[in-house]
Protein backbone atom coordinates (compact mmCIF):
# COMPACT_ATOMS: atom_id res chain seq x y z
CA UNK A 1 0.00 0.00 0.00
CA UNK A 2 2.79 2.50 0.66
CA UNK A 3 4.15 1.86 -2.83
CA UNK A 4 0.73 2.70 -4.30
CA UNK A 5 0.70 5.98 -2.38
CA UNK A 6 4.25 6.69 -3.56
CA UNK A 7 3.24 6.11 -7.19
CA UNK A 8 0.25 8.41 -6.72
CA UNK A 9 2.51 11.16 -5.38
CA UNK A 10 4.71 10.78 -8.47
CA UNK A 11 1.67 11.19 -10.69
CA UNK A 12 1.65 7.65 -12.02
CA UNK A 13 -1.78 6.37 -12.93
CA UNK A 14 -0.94 2.66 -13.20
CA UNK A 15 0.59 0.13 -10.85
CA UNK A 16 1.02 -3.59 -11.33
CA UNK A 17 -0.07 -6.02 -8.63
CA UNK A 18 -0.53 -9.75 -8.30
CA UNK A 19 -4.15 -10.87 -8.60
CA UNK A 20 -4.35 -11.57 -4.89
CA UNK A 21 -3.25 -8.02 -4.04
CA UNK A 22 -5.50 -6.15 -6.48
CA UNK A 23 -8.27 -5.44 -3.91
CA UNK A 24 -5.86 -3.90 -1.40
CA UNK A 25 -4.07 -2.00 -4.17
CA UNK A 26 -7.38 -0.49 -5.30
CA UNK A 27 -8.20 0.45 -1.72
CA UNK A 28 -4.77 2.03 -1.25
CA UNK A 29 -5.16 3.98 -4.51
CA UNK A 30 -8.53 5.33 -3.40
CA UNK A 31 -7.10 6.24 -0.01
CA UNK A 32 -4.19 8.09 -1.65
CA UNK A 33 -6.54 9.94 -4.02
CA UNK A 34 -8.83 11.01 -1.20
CA UNK A 35 -5.86 12.08 0.89
CA UNK A 36 -4.54 14.32 -1.88
CA UNK A 37 -7.98 15.87 -2.43
CA UNK A 38 -8.33 16.49 1.29
CA UNK A 39 -4.87 18.07 1.49
CA UNK A 40 -5.60 20.33 -1.49
CA UNK A 41 -8.81 21.62 0.08
CA UNK A 42 -7.05 22.84 3.23
């Protein structure tokens, strides 16, 4: 999950994950996106 957040901070819009980790990767990506929106609104 921290690697997904790192990729989001770099502006990457694609990460590769094993099939078993896709659900947590999607959750981490959503969390990173919401965190950046929240930080921008402050």
